[in-house]
């Protein structure tokens, strides 16, 4: 894996910037955007994938369009920060499809999760069947997002 952004040259950054905005771009389009030959472009993209810089490809789906319009940020405090408790919590989080993101934090909460739900009834279900059953949980604090102001998928490569 590339160790830092300093390892990326201008062509790599052009490729990554174009792919972040146009994930379905053809190799011909990528080569043109990065000012590379098609074969050089293909090799670079494969190298970026192999090195873990490109970790995958996905379609951006509007949560409301698929009935998951409620976005909730959940702060979790664990009863203990022992390594086995953290590992058990993280393993359980991976198994909950409603948990879209999980971040180990500094500060008061141990973790912050981003959870999606269809509505308040669905959130109650997720709370009762998923969140309260996560191992090691001492406290749960939820904040419901009223509106998403900005959602980015592209990193600001410089």
Protein backbone atom coordinates (compact mmCIF):
# COMPACT_ATOMS: atom_id res chain seq x y z
CA UNK A 1 0.00 0.00 0.00
CA UNK A 2 1.22 3.51 -0.74
CA UNK A 3 2.38 5.02 2.52
CA UNK A 4 1.36 8.63 1.98
CA UNK A 5 -0.07 11.14 -0.45
CA UNK A 6 3.50 12.12 -1.29
CA UNK A 7 3.87 8.81 -3.13
CA UNK A 8 1.12 9.79 -5.58
CA UNK A 9 2.30 11.66 -8.65
CA UNK A 10 0.20 14.09 -10.70
CA UNK A 11 -1.05 11.37 -13.05
CA UNK A 12 -2.20 9.22 -10.11
CA UNK A 13 -4.01 12.21 -8.62
CA UNK A 14 -5.68 13.00 -11.95
CA UNK A 15 -6.82 9.39 -12.26
CA UNK A 16 -8.17 9.29 -8.72
CA UNK A 17 -9.89 12.66 -9.03
CA UNK A 18 -11.59 11.60 -12.28
CA UNK A 19 -12.60 8.20 -10.89
CA UNK A 20 -14.09 9.78 -7.77
CA UNK A 21 -16.32 11.98 -9.92
CA UNK A 22 -16.92 9.49 -12.73
CA UNK A 23 -16.75 5.98 -11.31
CA UNK A 24 -17.99 4.41 -14.54
CA UNK A 25 -15.42 6.13 -16.75
CA UNK A 26 -13.85 3.96 -19.42
CA UNK A 27 -10.12 3.45 -19.62
CA UNK A 28 -10.11 5.72 -22.70
CA UNK A 29 -11.79 8.52 -20.72
CA UNK A 30 -9.45 8.02 -17.76
CA UNK A 31 -6.38 8.07 -19.98
CA UNK A 32 -7.53 11.32 -21.55
CA UNK A 33 -8.24 12.92 -18.16
CA UNK A 34 -4.83 11.88 -16.79
CA UNK A 35 -2.93 12.70 -20.00
CA UNK A 36 -1.69 9.12 -20.32
CA UNK A 37 -1.71 6.44 -22.97
CA UNK A 38 -4.46 3.86 -22.56
CA UNK A 39 -2.00 1.10 -21.64
CA UNK A 40 -0.19 3.28 -19.08
CA UNK A 41 -3.53 4.34 -17.62
CA UNK A 42 -4.68 0.73 -17.31
CA UNK A 43 -1.44 -0.28 -15.55
CA UNK A 44 -1.66 2.65 -13.12
CA UNK A 45 -5.28 1.96 -12.17
CA UNK A 46 -4.46 -1.72 -11.58
CA UNK A 47 -1.44 -0.69 -9.45
CA UNK A 48 -3.58 1.74 -7.41
CA UNK A 49 -6.07 -1.08 -6.81
CA UNK A 50 -3.34 -3.58 -5.87
CA UNK A 51 -1.72 -1.09 -3.47
CA UNK A 52 -5.00 -0.43 -1.69
CA UNK A 53 -5.29 3.20 -2.77
CA UNK A 54 -8.47 2.35 -4.69
CA UNK A 55 -10.43 0.16 -2.30
CA UNK A 56 -13.49 -0.54 -4.44
CA UNK A 57 -16.21 0.85 -6.69
CA UNK A 58 -19.79 1.63 -5.74
CA UNK A 59 -22.91 3.41 -6.94
CA UNK A 60 -24.11 6.38 -4.89
CA UNK A 61 -27.72 5.64 -3.93
CA UNK A 62 -30.15 8.24 -2.59
CA UNK A 63 -31.28 6.85 0.80
CA UNK A 64 -34.74 8.43 0.47
CA UNK A 65 -35.26 6.78 -2.91
CA UNK A 66 -34.87 3.36 -1.29
CA UNK A 67 -36.95 4.10 1.79
CA UNK A 68 -34.13 4.88 4.24
CA UNK A 69 -34.67 8.61 4.69
CA UNK A 70 -33.82 8.78 8.39
CA UNK A 71 -30.14 9.30 9.19
CA UNK A 72 -29.10 9.02 12.83
CA UNK A 73 -25.77 9.68 14.51
CA UNK A 74 -25.31 7.47 17.55
CA UNK A 75 -22.69 8.04 20.23
CA UNK A 76 -21.78 4.85 22.09
CA UNK A 77 -19.96 4.67 25.40
CA UNK A 78 -18.68 1.25 26.40
CA UNK A 79 -18.48 -0.12 29.93
CA UNK A 80 -14.78 -0.85 29.37
CA UNK A 81 -12.08 0.00 26.86
CA UNK A 82 -10.37 -3.38 27.24
CA UNK A 83 -9.16 -4.75 23.91
CA UNK A 84 -11.49 -7.76 24.00
CA UNK A 85 -14.51 -5.49 24.63
CA UNK A 86 -13.54 -3.22 21.72
CA UNK A 87 -13.01 -6.22 19.44
CA UNK A 88 -16.37 -7.78 20.36
CA UNK A 89 -18.18 -4.47 19.82
CA UNK A 90 -16.52 -3.90 16.43
CA UNK A 91 -17.25 -7.45 15.27
CA UNK A 92 -20.93 -7.01 16.15
CA UNK A 93 -21.15 -3.63 14.40
CA UNK A 94 -19.90 -5.18 11.16
CA UNK A 95 -22.88 -7.57 11.23
CA UNK A 96 -25.54 -4.82 11.51
CA UNK A 97 -26.51 -3.66 7.99
CA UNK A 98 -28.25 -0.52 9.27
CA UNK A 99 -24.93 0.77 10.63
CA UNK A 100 -23.39 2.57 7.68
CA UNK A 101 -20.30 3.90 9.46
CA UNK A 102 -18.55 3.26 12.75
CA UNK A 103 -15.73 5.44 14.06
CA UNK A 104 -13.57 4.83 17.14
CA UNK A 105 -13.37 8.24 18.81
CA UNK A 106 -11.45 10.33 21.27
CA UNK A 107 -13.48 12.36 23.77
CA UNK A 108 -16.57 11.38 25.73
CA UNK A 109 -18.00 8.72 23.40
CA UNK A 110 -16.00 5.66 22.48
CA UNK A 111 -17.70 5.26 19.07
CA UNK A 112 -19.87 7.29 16.75
CA UNK A 113 -22.11 5.39 14.35
CA UNK A 114 -24.12 6.58 11.37
CA UNK A 115 -27.31 4.55 11.20
CA UNK A 116 -30.04 4.58 8.55
CA UNK A 117 -33.70 3.76 9.10
CA UNK A 118 -36.94 4.10 7.20
CA UNK A 119 -38.75 6.13 9.87
CA UNK A 120 -39.10 6.48 13.65
CA UNK A 121 -40.74 3.06 14.00
CA UNK A 122 -37.85 1.49 12.11
CA UNK A 123 -35.36 3.42 14.25
CA UNK A 124 -37.05 2.02 17.35
CA UNK A 125 -36.62 -1.48 15.89
CA UNK A 126 -32.93 -0.85 15.13
CA UNK A 127 -32.41 0.56 18.62
CA UNK A 128 -34.10 -2.41 20.32
CA UNK A 129 -32.72 -5.22 18.14
CA UNK A 130 -29.29 -3.91 17.16
CA UNK A 131 -27.91 -1.02 19.20
CA UNK A 132 -28.91 -2.14 22.69
CA UNK A 133 -27.63 -5.64 21.96
CA UNK A 134 -24.13 -4.57 20.95
CA UNK A 135 -21.63 -6.07 23.42
CA UNK A 136 -20.15 -3.85 26.11
CA UNK A 137 -22.51 -0.88 25.63
CA UNK A 138 -22.99 1.28 28.73
CA UNK A 139 -24.67 4.32 27.16
CA UNK A 140 -26.33 5.23 23.84
CA UNK A 141 -27.03 8.80 22.73
CA UNK A 142 -28.77 9.40 19.39
CA UNK A 143 -29.10 12.53 17.28
CA UNK A 144 -31.39 12.54 14.25
CA UNK A 145 -30.23 14.48 11.21
CA UNK A 146 -32.96 16.84 10.00
CA UNK A 147 -31.33 17.43 6.62
CA UNK A 148 -28.08 16.54 4.90
CA UNK A 149 -26.33 19.75 3.89
CA UNK A 150 -23.35 18.17 2.17
CA UNK A 151 -22.35 14.58 1.47
CA UNK A 152 -19.08 14.01 -0.31
CA UNK A 153 -17.58 10.85 -1.61
CA UNK A 154 -14.58 12.45 -3.33
CA UNK A 155 -11.48 13.18 -1.27
CA UNK A 156 -9.81 16.57 -1.88
CA UNK A 157 -6.60 15.36 -3.54
CA UNK A 158 -3.91 18.00 -3.80
